[in-house]
Amino acid sequence: MKKYLKRFARIRTRNFTAQPLRKAILTDHKAVVRLGSTTPTTRIFPNTTGIVEINTVDAIQNSRSKLRMKNCFEKEKIPQADWWCNLNGVNLIELPYPMVVKRVFGFQGHGMQLLNDYKELNSWIDQHPHWDIDGWFFEKFYNYAREYRLHVAKDIGVFLSWRKLRTKDAKERWFFNSINSNWVGEDHELFDRPKPWKLMEKAAIDCLKATGLDIGAVDIRVQSNDKDNPSFIVCEINSAPALGDYGIEQYKEVIKKLINNKANE
């Protein structure tokens, strides 16, 4: 692939925590990097010849829509929660409660609700008469003790990992997000690497393959290490994760490698 004078990779994202990447990645190639953005390449480079794309628009769409994402996971047999996007014809009483209702295009847990039994589900449906066209779906709730975020890149693997720890004052304690949790890295004494870590890393890599992303962050919920053989489920893959200073430095280096790898394919 033709090399150009060094220039900054074009970062396209609405995630304010990723803004420091905009003028941080010098490359020999014309490159666009999408972190959650669906901006077409032609709007960035009118002549698309020789452009390196990190995270295509289609791959971003696969991860933005949780229904598309779940179907992608299903094809790759990635362990995930049992789910329903349509309850027509389903015996609501016999569903495996508790259940979680989520938005198809939700983020940071907005709109998510735990439904403990049939009565709560029926009440929710009564309050949301157009839920099936407004973009909601249902999942079985897995009360696993811990949740981790694995940042993963194509042909590189997992390059950064965090454990989510709920804060003491968290009001909602049945899920983890950036509002009700603190994050600790692998060198922290509370990281407590799960027994099935290698399988979790493989699942994260499989999530990239399933959605077509080149880089993303995979949230995985796992049982306690007190179990002989802890089970885990993949919650989602996120193409625009929150990034602190350390995450920005890691993403700089990994994105450079991704651009060079793709340019040399």
C-alpha atoms as a PDB file:
ATOM      1  CA  MET A   1       0.000   0.000   0.000  1.00  0.00           C
ATOM      2  CA  LYS A   2       1.259   3.456  -0.923  1.00  0.00           C
ATOM      3  CA  LYS A   3       2.842   5.483   1.861  1.00  0.00           C
ATOM      4  CA  TYR A   4       2.170   9.204   2.301  1.00  0.00           C
ATOM      5  CA  LEU A   5       3.884  11.908   4.281  1.00  0.00           C
ATOM      6  CA  LYS A   6       3.282  11.298   7.960  1.00  0.00           C
ATOM      7  CA  ARG A   7      -0.110  12.590   9.069  1.00  0.00           C
ATOM      8  CA  PHE A   8      -2.448  12.110  11.958  1.00  0.00           C
ATOM      9  CA  ALA A   9      -4.870   9.220  11.714  1.00  0.00           C
ATOM     10  CA  ARG A  10      -8.417  10.560  11.468  1.00  0.00           C
ATOM     11  CA  ILE A  11     -10.170   9.568  14.686  1.00  0.00           C
ATOM     12  CA  ARG A  12     -13.951   9.612  14.495  1.00  0.00           C
ATOM     13  CA  THR A  13     -15.765   9.323  17.823  1.00  0.00           C
ATOM     14  CA  ARG A  14     -18.403  11.011  19.971  1.00  0.00           C
ATOM     15  CA  ASN A  15     -16.784   9.681  23.111  1.00  0.00           C
ATOM     16  CA  PHE A  16     -15.199  12.717  24.785  1.00  0.00           C
ATOM     17  CA  THR A  17     -12.723  10.526  26.698  1.00  0.00           C
ATOM     18  CA  ALA A  18     -11.169   9.483  23.362  1.00  0.00           C
ATOM     19  CA  GLN A  19     -10.586  13.072  22.187  1.00  0.00           C
ATOM     20  CA  PRO A  20      -6.859  13.031  23.146  1.00  0.00           C
ATOM     21  CA  LEU A  21      -6.342  10.455  20.371  1.00  0.00           C
ATOM     22  CA  ARG A  22      -7.299  12.948  17.648  1.00  0.00           C
ATOM     23  CA  LYS A  23      -3.831  14.509  17.384  1.00  0.00           C
ATOM     24  CA  ALA A  24      -1.818  11.653  18.782  1.00  0.00           C
ATOM     25  CA  ILE A  25      -1.336   8.951  16.136  1.00  0.00           C
ATOM     26  CA  LEU A  26       1.099   9.840  13.356  1.00  0.00           C
ATOM     27  CA  THR A  27       1.120   7.361  10.500  1.00  0.00           C
ATOM     28  CA  ASP A  28       2.599   6.843   7.030  1.00  0.00           C
ATOM     29  CA  HIS A  29      -0.843   5.912   5.702  1.00  0.00           C
ATOM     30  CA  LYS A  30      -4.140   7.668   5.200  1.00  0.00           C
ATOM     31  CA  ALA A  31      -6.224   6.108   7.937  1.00  0.00           C
ATOM     32  CA  VAL A  32      -9.609   6.514   9.560  1.00  0.00           C
ATOM     33  CA  VAL A  33     -10.259   5.048  13.010  1.00  0.00           C
ATOM     34  CA  ARG A  34     -13.863   4.752  14.175  1.00  0.00           C
ATOM     35  CA  LEU A  35     -14.544   4.509  17.881  1.00  0.00           C
ATOM     36  CA  GLY A  36     -18.332   4.297  17.842  1.00  0.00           C
ATOM     37  CA  SER A  37     -18.724   6.566  14.812  1.00  0.00           C
ATOM     38  CA  THR A  38     -20.597   5.599  11.634  1.00  0.00           C
ATOM     39  CA  THR A  39     -19.167   8.410   9.496  1.00  0.00           C
ATOM     40  CA  PRO A  40     -18.689   7.118   5.916  1.00  0.00           C
ATOM     41  CA  THR A  41     -15.117   7.080   4.618  1.00  0.00           C
ATOM     42  CA  THR A  42     -16.090   9.319   1.680  1.00  0.00           C
ATOM     43  CA  ARG A  43     -16.958  12.104   4.114  1.00  0.00           C
ATOM     44  CA  ILE A  44     -13.437  11.936   5.502  1.00  0.00           C
ATOM     45  CA  PHE A  45     -11.431  11.174   2.342  1.00  0.00           C
ATOM     46  CA  PRO A  46     -13.272  11.910  -0.953  1.00  0.00           C
ATOM     47  CA  ASN A  47     -10.811   9.634  -2.739  1.00  0.00           C
ATOM     48  CA  THR A  48     -10.946   6.348  -0.830  1.00  0.00           C
ATOM     49  CA  THR A  49      -8.076   4.689  -2.724  1.00  0.00           C
ATOM     50  CA  GLY A  50      -5.451   3.377  -0.344  1.00  0.00           C
ATOM     51  CA  ILE A  51      -7.360   4.299   2.815  1.00  0.00           C
ATOM     52  CA  VAL A  52      -6.841   2.136   5.894  1.00  0.00           C
ATOM     53  CA  GLU A  53     -10.050   1.662   7.902  1.00  0.00           C
ATOM     54  CA  ILE A  54      -9.957   0.626  11.537  1.00  0.00           C
ATOM     55  CA  ASN A  55     -13.474  -0.469  12.522  1.00  0.00           C
ATOM     56  CA  THR A  56     -15.645  -0.331   9.418  1.00  0.00           C
ATOM     57  CA  VAL A  57     -19.086   1.262   9.477  1.00  0.00           C
ATOM     58  CA  ASP A  58     -20.713  -2.172   9.237  1.00  0.00           C
ATOM     59  CA  ALA A  59     -18.685  -3.467  12.182  1.00  0.00           C
ATOM     60  CA  ILE A  60     -19.667  -0.424  14.243  1.00  0.00           C
ATOM     61  CA  GLN A  61     -23.320  -1.068  13.407  1.00  0.00           C
ATOM     62  CA  ASN A  62     -22.916  -4.682  14.541  1.00  0.00           C
ATOM     63  CA  SER A  63     -21.761  -3.501  17.960  1.00  0.00           C
ATOM     64  CA  ARG A  64     -24.069  -0.455  18.338  1.00  0.00           C
ATOM     65  CA  SER A  65     -27.243  -2.497  17.940  1.00  0.00           C
ATOM     66  CA  LYS A  66     -27.363  -5.033  20.728  1.00  0.00           C
ATOM     67  CA  LEU A  67     -29.675  -7.229  18.662  1.00  0.00           C
ATOM     68  CA  ARG A  68     -27.229  -7.324  15.747  1.00  0.00           C
ATOM     69  CA  MET A  69     -24.437  -7.936  18.250  1.00  0.00           C
ATOM     70  CA  LYS A  70     -26.270 -10.815  19.902  1.00  0.00           C
ATOM     71  CA  ASN A  71     -26.998 -12.434  16.563  1.00  0.00           C
ATOM     72  CA  CYS A  72     -23.311 -12.122  15.670  1.00  0.00           C
ATOM     73  CA  PHE A  73     -22.367 -13.750  18.986  1.00  0.00           C
ATOM     74  CA  GLU A  74     -24.855 -16.538  18.400  1.00  0.00           C
ATOM     75  CA  LYS A  75     -23.287 -17.425  15.052  1.00  0.00           C
ATOM     76  CA  GLU A  76     -19.847 -17.706  16.677  1.00  0.00           C
ATOM     77  CA  LYS A  77     -21.273 -19.616  19.685  1.00  0.00           C
ATOM     78  CA  ILE A  78     -19.988 -17.026  22.134  1.00  0.00           C
ATOM     79  CA  PRO A  79     -21.337 -17.607  25.678  1.00  0.00           C
ATOM     80  CA  GLN A  80     -23.991 -14.983  26.386  1.00  0.00           C
ATOM     81  CA  ALA A  81     -27.246 -14.539  28.283  1.00  0.00           C
ATOM     82  CA  ASP A  82     -30.408 -16.202  26.974  1.00  0.00           C
ATOM     83  CA  TRP A  83     -32.407 -13.439  25.289  1.00  0.00           C
ATOM     84  CA  TRP A  84     -35.706 -12.584  23.617  1.00  0.00           C
ATOM     85  CA  CYS A  85     -36.470  -9.698  21.266  1.00  0.00           C
ATOM     86  CA  ASN A  86     -40.122 -10.615  20.843  1.00  0.00           C
ATOM     87  CA  LEU A  87     -42.370 -12.138  23.485  1.00  0.00           C
ATOM     88  CA  ASN A  88     -45.263 -12.883  21.160  1.00  0.00           C
ATOM     89  CA  GLY A  89     -46.374 -16.453  21.795  1.00  0.00           C
ATOM     90  CA  VAL A  90     -44.056 -16.797  24.804  1.00  0.00           C
ATOM     91  CA  ASN A  91     -45.517 -18.024  28.103  1.00  0.00           C
ATOM     92  CA  LEU A  92     -44.492 -15.078  30.293  1.00  0.00           C
ATOM     93  CA  ILE A  93     -45.060 -17.023  33.510  1.00  0.00           C
ATOM     94  CA  GLU A  94     -42.511 -19.674  32.515  1.00  0.00           C
ATOM     95  CA  LEU A  95     -39.700 -17.282  31.599  1.00  0.00           C
ATOM     96  CA  PRO A  96     -36.509 -17.713  33.696  1.00  0.00           C
ATOM     97  CA  TYR A  97     -36.830 -14.876  36.198  1.00  0.00           C
ATOM     98  CA  PRO A  98     -35.245 -12.566  37.120  1.00  0.00           C
ATOM     99  CA  MET A  99     -35.139 -10.928  33.689  1.00  0.00           C
ATOM    100  CA  VAL A 100     -33.443  -7.745  32.504  1.00  0.00           C
ATOM    101  CA  VAL A 101     -35.012  -5.413  29.951  1.00  0.00           C
ATOM    102  CA  LYS A 102     -32.548  -3.353  27.892  1.00  0.00           C
ATOM    103  CA  ARG A 103     -32.607  -0.839  25.080  1.00  0.00           C
ATOM    104  CA  VAL A 104     -31.322  -2.054  21.717  1.00  0.00           C
ATOM    105  CA  PHE A 105     -29.241   1.129  21.433  1.00  0.00           C
ATOM    106  CA  GLY A 106     -28.671   1.682  25.148  1.00  0.00           C
ATOM    107  CA  PHE A 107     -25.483   2.800  26.905  1.00  0.00           C
ATOM    108  CA  GLN A 108     -24.211   2.916  30.502  1.00  0.00           C
ATOM    109  CA  GLY A 109     -27.313   1.063  31.681  1.00  0.00           C
ATOM    110  CA  HIS A 110     -29.770   3.834  30.744  1.00  0.00           C
ATOM    111  CA  GLY A 111     -33.302   2.427  30.691  1.00  0.00           C
ATOM    112  CA  MET A 112     -32.173  -0.984  31.921  1.00  0.00           C
ATOM    113  CA  GLN A 113     -34.455  -2.577  34.512  1.00  0.00           C
ATOM    114  CA  LEU A 114     -34.468  -5.773  36.570  1.00  0.00           C
ATOM    115  CA  LEU A 115     -37.780  -7.665  36.490  1.00  0.00           C
ATOM    116  CA  ASN A 116     -38.028 -10.180  39.302  1.00  0.00           C
ATOM    117  CA  ASP A 117     -41.189 -12.027  38.313  1.00  0.00           C
ATOM    118  CA  TYR A 118     -44.117 -12.275  35.916  1.00  0.00           C
ATOM    119  CA  LYS A 119     -46.032  -9.480  37.638  1.00  0.00           C
ATOM    120  CA  GLU A 120     -43.164  -7.011  37.221  1.00  0.00           C
ATOM    121  CA  LEU A 121     -42.724  -7.995  33.569  1.00  0.00           C
ATOM    122  CA  ASN A 122     -46.438  -7.630  32.882  1.00  0.00           C
ATOM    123  CA  SER A 123     -46.446  -4.237  34.616  1.00  0.00           C
ATOM    124  CA  TRP A 124     -43.478  -3.085  32.527  1.00  0.00           C
ATOM    125  CA  ILE A 125     -45.217  -4.163  29.301  1.00  0.00           C
ATOM    126  CA  ASP A 126     -48.381  -2.300  30.347  1.00  0.00           C
ATOM    127  CA  GLN A 127     -46.304   0.852  30.849  1.00  0.00           C
ATOM    128  CA  HIS A 128     -44.525   0.421  27.504  1.00  0.00           C
ATOM    129  CA  PRO A 129     -47.275  -0.500  25.006  1.00  0.00           C
ATOM    130  CA  HIS A 130     -44.970   0.076  22.029  1.00  0.00           C
ATOM    131  CA  TRP A 131     -41.854  -1.555  23.466  1.00  0.00           C
ATOM    132  CA  ASP A 132     -41.482  -3.926  20.510  1.00  0.00           C
ATOM    133  CA  ILE A 133     -41.128  -1.032  18.043  1.00  0.00           C
ATOM    134  CA  ASP A 134     -39.263   1.321  20.368  1.00  0.00           C
ATOM    135  CA  GLY A 135     -36.234  -0.898  20.570  1.00  0.00           C
ATOM    136  CA  TRP A 136     -36.162  -3.105  23.675  1.00  0.00           C
ATOM    137  CA  PHE A 137     -35.190  -6.700  24.337  1.00  0.00           C
ATOM    138  CA  PHE A 138     -35.087  -9.076  27.318  1.00  0.00           C
ATOM    139  CA  GLU A 139     -32.318 -11.154  28.864  1.00  0.00           C
ATOM    140  CA  LYS A 140     -32.105 -13.767  31.560  1.00  0.00           C
ATOM    141  CA  PHE A 141     -30.332 -12.266  34.592  1.00  0.00           C
ATOM    142  CA  TYR A 142     -27.116 -14.005  35.699  1.00  0.00           C
ATOM    143  CA  ASN A 143     -26.159 -13.003  39.216  1.00  0.00           C
ATOM    144  CA  TYR A 144     -22.442 -13.618  38.736  1.00  0.00           C
ATOM    145  CA  ALA A 145     -20.201 -11.951  41.295  1.00  0.00           C
ATOM    146  CA  ARG A 146     -17.693 -10.127  39.125  1.00  0.00           C
ATOM    147  CA  GLU A 147     -17.362  -8.231  35.856  1.00  0.00           C
ATOM    148  CA  TYR A 148     -14.275  -7.466  33.777  1.00  0.00           C
ATOM    149  CA  ARG A 149     -13.549  -5.359  30.718  1.00  0.00           C
ATOM    150  CA  LEU A 150     -11.069  -6.803  28.233  1.00  0.00           C
ATOM    151  CA  HIS A 151      -9.753  -4.473  25.534  1.00  0.00           C
ATOM    152  CA  VAL A 152      -8.883  -6.520  22.478  1.00  0.00           C
ATOM    153  CA  ALA A 153      -7.471  -5.895  18.995  1.00  0.00           C
ATOM    154  CA  LYS A 154      -7.289  -7.950  15.808  1.00  0.00           C
ATOM    155  CA  ASP A 155      -4.112 -10.077  15.520  1.00  0.00           C
ATOM    156  CA  ILE A 156      -2.917  -8.571  18.821  1.00  0.00           C
ATOM    157  CA  GLY A 157      -5.324 -10.072  21.330  1.00  0.00           C
ATOM    158  CA  VAL A 158      -6.188  -8.715  24.766  1.00  0.00           C
ATOM    159  CA  PHE A 159      -3.916  -5.759  25.536  1.00  0.00           C
ATOM    160  CA  LEU A 160      -5.612  -4.109  28.512  1.00  0.00           C
ATOM    161  CA  SER A 161      -7.927  -5.425  31.240  1.00  0.00           C
ATOM    162  CA  TRP A 162      -9.882  -3.970  34.144  1.00  0.00           C
ATOM    163  CA  ARG A 163     -12.080  -5.293  36.884  1.00  0.00           C
ATOM    164  CA  LYS A 164     -15.219  -3.335  37.793  1.00  0.00           C
ATOM    165  CA  LEU A 165     -15.794  -2.933  41.538  1.00  0.00           C
ATOM    166  CA  ARG A 166     -19.077  -1.478  42.745  1.00  0.00           C
ATOM    167  CA  THR A 167     -18.694   1.579  44.958  1.00  0.00           C
ATOM    168  CA  LYS A 168     -19.949   1.325  48.542  1.00  0.00           C
ATOM    169  CA  ASP A 169     -22.662   3.921  47.907  1.00  0.00           C
ATOM    170  CA  ALA A 170     -23.930   2.311  44.668  1.00  0.00           C
ATOM    171  CA  LYS A 171     -27.739   2.260  44.804  1.00  0.00           C
ATOM    172  CA  GLU A 172     -28.228  -0.276  42.018  1.00  0.00           C
ATOM    173  CA  ARG A 173     -26.079  -3.279  42.865  1.00  0.00           C
ATOM    174  CA  TRP A 174     -27.254  -5.824  40.302  1.00  0.00           C
ATOM    175  CA  PHE A 175     -25.191  -4.414  37.427  1.00  0.00           C
ATOM    176  CA  PHE A 176     -21.846  -2.706  36.839  1.00  0.00           C
ATOM    177  CA  ASN A 177     -21.195   0.486  34.885  1.00  0.00           C
ATOM    178  CA  SER A 178     -18.925   3.532  34.910  1.00  0.00           C
ATOM    179  CA  ILE A 179     -21.272   5.381  37.272  1.00  0.00           C
ATOM    180  CA  ASN A 180     -21.627   2.843  40.092  1.00  0.00           C
ATOM    181  CA  SER A 181     -18.196   1.190  39.829  1.00  0.00           C
ATOM    182  CA  ASN A 182     -14.502   1.843  40.243  1.00  0.00           C
ATOM    183  CA  TRP A 183     -11.963   0.177  37.964  1.00  0.00           C
ATOM    184  CA  VAL A 184      -8.802  -1.671  39.000  1.00  0.00           C
ATOM    185  CA  GLY A 185      -6.066  -2.980  36.713  1.00  0.00           C
ATOM    186  CA  GLU A 186      -4.283  -6.317  36.589  1.00  0.00           C
ATOM    187  CA  ASP A 187      -1.573  -5.187  38.992  1.00  0.00           C
ATOM    188  CA  HIS A 188      -4.130  -4.354  41.707  1.00  0.00           C
ATOM    189  CA  GLU A 189      -4.563  -6.790  44.602  1.00  0.00           C
ATOM    190  CA  LEU A 190      -8.345  -6.846  44.061  1.00  0.00           C
ATOM    191  CA  PHE A 191      -8.144  -7.740  40.374  1.00  0.00           C
ATOM    192  CA  ASP A 192      -8.444 -11.430  41.326  1.00  0.00           C
ATOM    193  CA  ARG A 193      -7.868 -12.964  37.901  1.00  0.00           C
ATOM    194  CA  PRO A 194     -10.719 -15.431  37.180  1.00  0.00           C
ATOM    195  CA  LYS A 195      -9.887 -19.104  36.796  1.00  0.00           C
ATOM    196  CA  PRO A 196     -11.267 -19.268  33.222  1.00  0.00           C
ATOM    197  CA  TRP A 197      -9.186 -16.234  32.124  1.00  0.00           C
ATOM    198  CA  LYS A 198      -7.786 -17.898  28.984  1.00  0.00           C
ATOM    199  CA  LEU A 199     -11.302 -18.814  27.879  1.00  0.00           C
ATOM    200  CA  MET A 200     -12.441 -15.254  28.590  1.00  0.00           C
ATOM    201  CA  GLU A 201      -9.601 -13.909  26.433  1.00  0.00           C
ATOM    202  CA  LYS A 202     -10.607 -16.271  23.636  1.00  0.00           C
ATOM    203  CA  ALA A 203     -14.222 -15.130  23.944  1.00  0.00           C
ATOM    204  CA  ALA A 204     -13.092 -11.498  23.637  1.00  0.00           C
ATOM    205  CA  ILE A 205     -11.138 -12.312  20.464  1.00  0.00           C
ATOM    206  CA  ASP A 206     -14.147 -14.214  19.113  1.00  0.00           C
ATOM    207  CA  CYS A 207     -16.303 -11.115  19.730  1.00  0.00           C
ATOM    208  CA  LEU A 208     -14.054  -9.103  17.403  1.00  0.00           C
ATOM    209  CA  LYS A 209     -14.318 -11.778  14.743  1.00  0.00           C
ATOM    210  CA  ALA A 210     -18.086 -12.060  15.157  1.00  0.00           C
ATOM    211  CA  THR A 211     -18.767  -8.329  14.778  1.00  0.00           C
ATOM    212  CA  GLY A 212     -15.952  -7.519  12.351  1.00  0.00           C
ATOM    213  CA  LEU A 213     -14.373  -4.936  14.651  1.00  0.00           C
ATOM    214  CA  ASP A 214     -10.613  -4.367  14.699  1.00  0.00           C
ATOM    215  CA  ILE A 215     -10.522  -2.986  18.239  1.00  0.00           C
ATOM    216  CA  GLY A 216     -13.069  -2.933  21.044  1.00  0.00           C
ATOM    217  CA  ALA A 217     -13.773  -3.544  24.717  1.00  0.00           C
ATOM    218  CA  VAL A 218     -15.573  -6.683  25.851  1.00  0.00           C
ATOM    219  CA  ASP A 219     -17.504  -6.812  29.125  1.00  0.00           C
ATOM    220  CA  ILE A 220     -17.599 -10.264  30.708  1.00  0.00           C
ATOM    221  CA  ARG A 221     -19.451 -11.293  33.849  1.00  0.00           C
ATOM    222  CA  VAL A 222     -18.019 -14.296  35.693  1.00  0.00           C
ATOM    223  CA  GLN A 223     -18.710 -16.365  38.792  1.00  0.00           C
ATOM    224  CA  SER A 224     -16.509 -16.177  41.876  1.00  0.00           C
ATOM    225  CA  ASN A 225     -13.203 -18.038  42.038  1.00  0.00           C
ATOM    226  CA  ASP A 226     -14.718 -19.928  44.973  1.00  0.00           C
ATOM    227  CA  LYS A 227     -16.367 -22.102  42.319  1.00  0.00           C
ATOM    228  CA  ASP A 228     -14.393 -25.098  41.038  1.00  0.00           C
ATOM    229  CA  ASN A 229     -15.189 -24.216  37.440  1.00  0.00           C
ATOM    230  CA  PRO A 230     -16.602 -20.660  37.271  1.00  0.00           C
ATOM    231  CA  SER A 231     -18.997 -19.932  34.411  1.00  0.00           C
ATOM    232  CA  PHE A 232     -19.010 -16.646  32.514  1.00  0.00           C
ATOM    233  CA  ILE A 233     -21.090 -14.779  29.937  1.00  0.00           C
ATOM    234  CA  VAL A 234     -20.179 -12.021  27.524  1.00  0.00           C
ATOM    235  CA  CYS A 235     -22.352  -8.969  28.158  1.00  0.00           C
ATOM    236  CA  GLU A 236     -21.346  -6.903  25.132  1.00  0.00           C
ATOM    237  CA  ILE A 237     -18.564  -5.515  22.975  1.00  0.00           C
ATOM    238  CA  ASN A 238     -18.163  -1.739  22.909  1.00  0.00           C
ATOM    239  CA  SER A 239     -16.407   0.106  20.084  1.00  0.00           C
ATOM    240  CA  ALA A 240     -16.272   3.399  22.030  1.00  0.00           C
ATOM    241  CA  PRO A 241     -15.274   2.578  25.613  1.00  0.00           C
ATOM    242  CA  ALA A 242     -14.393   5.176  28.210  1.00  0.00           C
ATOM    243  CA  LEU A 243     -10.631   5.770  28.300  1.00  0.00           C
ATOM    244  CA  GLY A 244      -8.493   7.259  31.040  1.00  0.00           C
ATOM    245  CA  ASP A 245      -4.919   8.490  30.612  1.00  0.00           C
ATOM    246  CA  TYR A 246      -3.445   4.989  30.756  1.00  0.00           C
ATOM    247  CA  GLY A 247      -6.015   3.682  28.297  1.00  0.00           C
ATOM    248  CA  ILE A 248      -5.219   6.497  25.856  1.00  0.00           C
ATOM    249  CA  GLU A 249      -1.522   5.574  25.876  1.00  0.00           C
ATOM    250  CA  GLN A 250      -2.333   1.917  25.240  1.00  0.00           C
ATOM    251  CA  TYR A 251      -4.763   2.762  22.432  1.00  0.00           C
ATOM    252  CA  LYS A 252      -2.169   4.988  20.732  1.00  0.00           C
ATOM    253  CA  GLU A 253       0.286   2.129  20.402  1.00  0.00           C
ATOM    254  CA  VAL A 254      -2.259  -0.528  19.478  1.00  0.00           C
ATOM    255  CA  ILE A 255      -3.968   1.615  16.831  1.00  0.00           C
ATOM    256  CA  LYS A 256      -0.578   2.353  15.227  1.00  0.00           C
ATOM    257  CA  LYS A 257       0.046  -1.393  14.994  1.00  0.00           C
ATOM    258  CA  LEU A 258      -3.421  -2.012  13.568  1.00  0.00           C
ATOM    259  CA  ILE A 259      -2.922   0.609  10.856  1.00  0.00           C
ATOM    260  CA  ASN A 260       0.459  -0.815   9.862  1.00  0.00           C
ATOM    261  CA  ASN A 261      -0.864  -4.387   9.903  1.00  0.00           C
ATOM    262  CA  LYS A 262      -3.818  -3.508   7.665  1.00  0.00           C
ATOM    263  CA  ALA A 263      -1.660  -1.436   5.311  1.00  0.00           C
ATOM    264  CA  ASN A 264       0.643  -4.424   4.807  1.00  0.00           C
ATOM    265  CA  GLU A 265      -2.071  -7.032   4.235  1.00  0.00           C
END
